[in-house]
Amino acid sequence: MQEFIDNMTMEGHASKIVCSLLVNHGMPDPLFSAGGVEKIYNEARSTDKTLKLWKDGNHCVTNHATETITMFADFFMDRLK
């Protein structure tokens, strides 16, 4: 399993992101490092991008469900007007 996880990469793909981007990440996530998330965010060419890091967030940030759902809803509503 670890080898599979280690081979998952956005290498060569993140720079192709040009649409609005919202990245929501729990920092102690054992599956995806905060450094990897920040790299994707920084490499994305989108001019409309947001990065939210939760110091105590779990993998899907379900321990901040209300805040996360509100953030996603606001993000989409602001762009779909």
C-alpha atoms as a PDB file:
ATOM      1  CA  MET A   1       0.000   0.000   0.000  1.00  0.00           C
ATOM      2  CA  GLN A   2       2.781   2.446   0.851  1.00  0.00           C
ATOM      3  CA  GLU A   3       4.394   1.915  -2.559  1.00  0.00           C
ATOM      4  CA  PHE A   4       1.055   2.690  -4.230  1.00  0.00           C
ATOM      5  CA  ILE A   5       0.711   5.872  -2.182  1.00  0.00           C
ATOM      6  CA  ASP A   6       4.313   6.874  -2.893  1.00  0.00           C
ATOM      7  CA  ASN A   7       3.687   6.564  -6.645  1.00  0.00           C
ATOM      8  CA  MET A   8       0.607   8.793  -6.615  1.00  0.00           C
ATOM      9  CA  THR A   9       1.732  12.167  -7.913  1.00  0.00           C
ATOM     10  CA  MET A  10       0.512  15.348  -9.525  1.00  0.00           C
ATOM     11  CA  GLU A  11       3.944  15.789 -11.094  1.00  0.00           C
ATOM     12  CA  GLY A  12       3.447  17.371 -14.499  1.00  0.00           C
ATOM     13  CA  HIS A  13      -0.287  17.900 -13.937  1.00  0.00           C
ATOM     14  CA  ALA A  14      -0.673  20.648 -11.338  1.00  0.00           C
ATOM     15  CA  SER A  15       0.706  23.281 -13.704  1.00  0.00           C
ATOM     16  CA  LYS A  16      -2.189  22.534 -16.080  1.00  0.00           C
ATOM     17  CA  ILE A  17      -4.789  23.705 -13.533  1.00  0.00           C
ATOM     18  CA  VAL A  18      -6.133  27.051 -14.752  1.00  0.00           C
ATOM     19  CA  CYS A  19      -9.671  27.005 -13.335  1.00  0.00           C
ATOM     20  CA  SER A  20     -10.720  28.237  -9.897  1.00  0.00           C
ATOM     21  CA  LEU A  21      -9.094  26.065  -7.260  1.00  0.00           C
ATOM     22  CA  LEU A  22      -9.973  25.436  -3.619  1.00  0.00           C
ATOM     23  CA  VAL A  23      -7.554  23.220  -1.714  1.00  0.00           C
ATOM     24  CA  ASN A  24      -8.720  22.029   1.712  1.00  0.00           C
ATOM     25  CA  HIS A  25      -6.224  19.955   3.700  1.00  0.00           C
ATOM     26  CA  GLY A  26      -5.807  18.466   7.162  1.00  0.00           C
ATOM     27  CA  MET A  27      -2.141  18.918   8.033  1.00  0.00           C
ATOM     28  CA  PRO A  28      -1.561  15.702  10.006  1.00  0.00           C
ATOM     29  CA  ASP A  29      -2.916  13.700   7.022  1.00  0.00           C
ATOM     30  CA  PRO A  30      -0.833  10.500   6.804  1.00  0.00           C
ATOM     31  CA  LEU A  31      -1.789   9.948   3.143  1.00  0.00           C
ATOM     32  CA  PHE A  32      -0.890  13.324   1.657  1.00  0.00           C
ATOM     33  CA  SER A  33       1.638  15.730   3.128  1.00  0.00           C
ATOM     34  CA  ALA A  34       1.023  19.437   3.616  1.00  0.00           C
ATOM     35  CA  GLY A  35       4.167  20.026   1.564  1.00  0.00           C
ATOM     36  CA  GLY A  36       2.659  18.114  -1.353  1.00  0.00           C
ATOM     37  CA  VAL A  37      -0.558  20.100  -1.113  1.00  0.00           C
ATOM     38  CA  GLU A  38       1.325  23.392  -1.036  1.00  0.00           C
ATOM     39  CA  LYS A  39       3.368  22.294  -4.061  1.00  0.00           C
ATOM     40  CA  ILE A  40       0.193  21.590  -6.061  1.00  0.00           C
ATOM     41  CA  TYR A  41      -1.290  24.911  -4.963  1.00  0.00           C
ATOM     42  CA  ASN A  42       1.862  26.833  -5.907  1.00  0.00           C
ATOM     43  CA  GLU A  43       2.279  25.076  -9.268  1.00  0.00           C
ATOM     44  CA  ALA A  44      -1.346  25.573 -10.326  1.00  0.00           C
ATOM     45  CA  ARG A  45      -1.577  28.411 -12.848  1.00  0.00           C
ATOM     46  CA  SER A  46      -5.018  29.479 -11.690  1.00  0.00           C
ATOM     47  CA  THR A  47      -5.263  33.143 -10.730  1.00  0.00           C
ATOM     48  CA  ASP A  48      -8.267  32.321  -8.528  1.00  0.00           C
ATOM     49  CA  LYS A  49      -7.065  29.889  -5.913  1.00  0.00           C
ATOM     50  CA  THR A  50      -7.521  29.368  -2.196  1.00  0.00           C
ATOM     51  CA  LEU A  51      -5.560  27.166   0.193  1.00  0.00           C
ATOM     52  CA  LYS A  52      -7.020  26.229   3.590  1.00  0.00           C
ATOM     53  CA  LEU A  53      -4.827  24.192   5.935  1.00  0.00           C
ATOM     54  CA  TRP A  54      -6.300  22.763   9.130  1.00  0.00           C
ATOM     55  CA  LYS A  55      -3.640  22.133  11.807  1.00  0.00           C
ATOM     56  CA  ASP A  56      -5.821  19.465  13.427  1.00  0.00           C
ATOM     57  CA  GLY A  57      -7.785  18.336  10.370  1.00  0.00           C
ATOM     58  CA  ASN A  58      -8.085  14.638   9.576  1.00  0.00           C
ATOM     59  CA  HIS A  59      -7.709  13.193   6.054  1.00  0.00           C
ATOM     60  CA  CYS A  60     -11.065  14.453   4.741  1.00  0.00           C
ATOM     61  CA  VAL A  61     -11.289  17.249   7.330  1.00  0.00           C
ATOM     62  CA  THR A  62     -14.547  15.724   8.566  1.00  0.00           C
ATOM     63  CA  ASN A  63     -13.686  16.927  12.049  1.00  0.00           C
ATOM     64  CA  HIS A  64     -14.397  20.443  10.706  1.00  0.00           C
ATOM     65  CA  ALA A  65     -17.380  19.406   8.589  1.00  0.00           C
ATOM     66  CA  THR A  66     -19.564  22.458   9.184  1.00  0.00           C
ATOM     67  CA  GLU A  67     -16.788  24.936   8.421  1.00  0.00           C
ATOM     68  CA  THR A  68     -15.574  22.945   5.420  1.00  0.00           C
ATOM     69  CA  ILE A  69     -19.022  22.530   3.856  1.00  0.00           C
ATOM     70  CA  THR A  70     -19.729  26.235   4.351  1.00  0.00           C
ATOM     71  CA  MET A  71     -16.383  27.155   2.793  1.00  0.00           C
ATOM     72  CA  PHE A  72     -17.034  24.951  -0.260  1.00  0.00           C
ATOM     73  CA  ALA A  73     -20.600  26.245  -0.656  1.00  0.00           C
ATOM     74  CA  ASP A  74     -19.440  29.866  -0.464  1.00  0.00           C
ATOM     75  CA  PHE A  75     -16.597  29.184  -2.905  1.00  0.00           C
ATOM     76  CA  PHE A  76     -18.958  27.711  -5.506  1.00  0.00           C
ATOM     77  CA  MET A  77     -21.742  30.239  -4.966  1.00  0.00           C
ATOM     78  CA  ASP A  78     -19.305  33.125  -5.461  1.00  0.00           C
ATOM     79  CA  ARG A  79     -18.193  31.665  -8.782  1.00  0.00           C
ATOM     80  CA  LEU A  80     -21.509  30.397 -10.157  1.00  0.00           C
ATOM     81  CA  LYS A  81     -23.420  33.675  -9.894  1.00  0.00           C
END
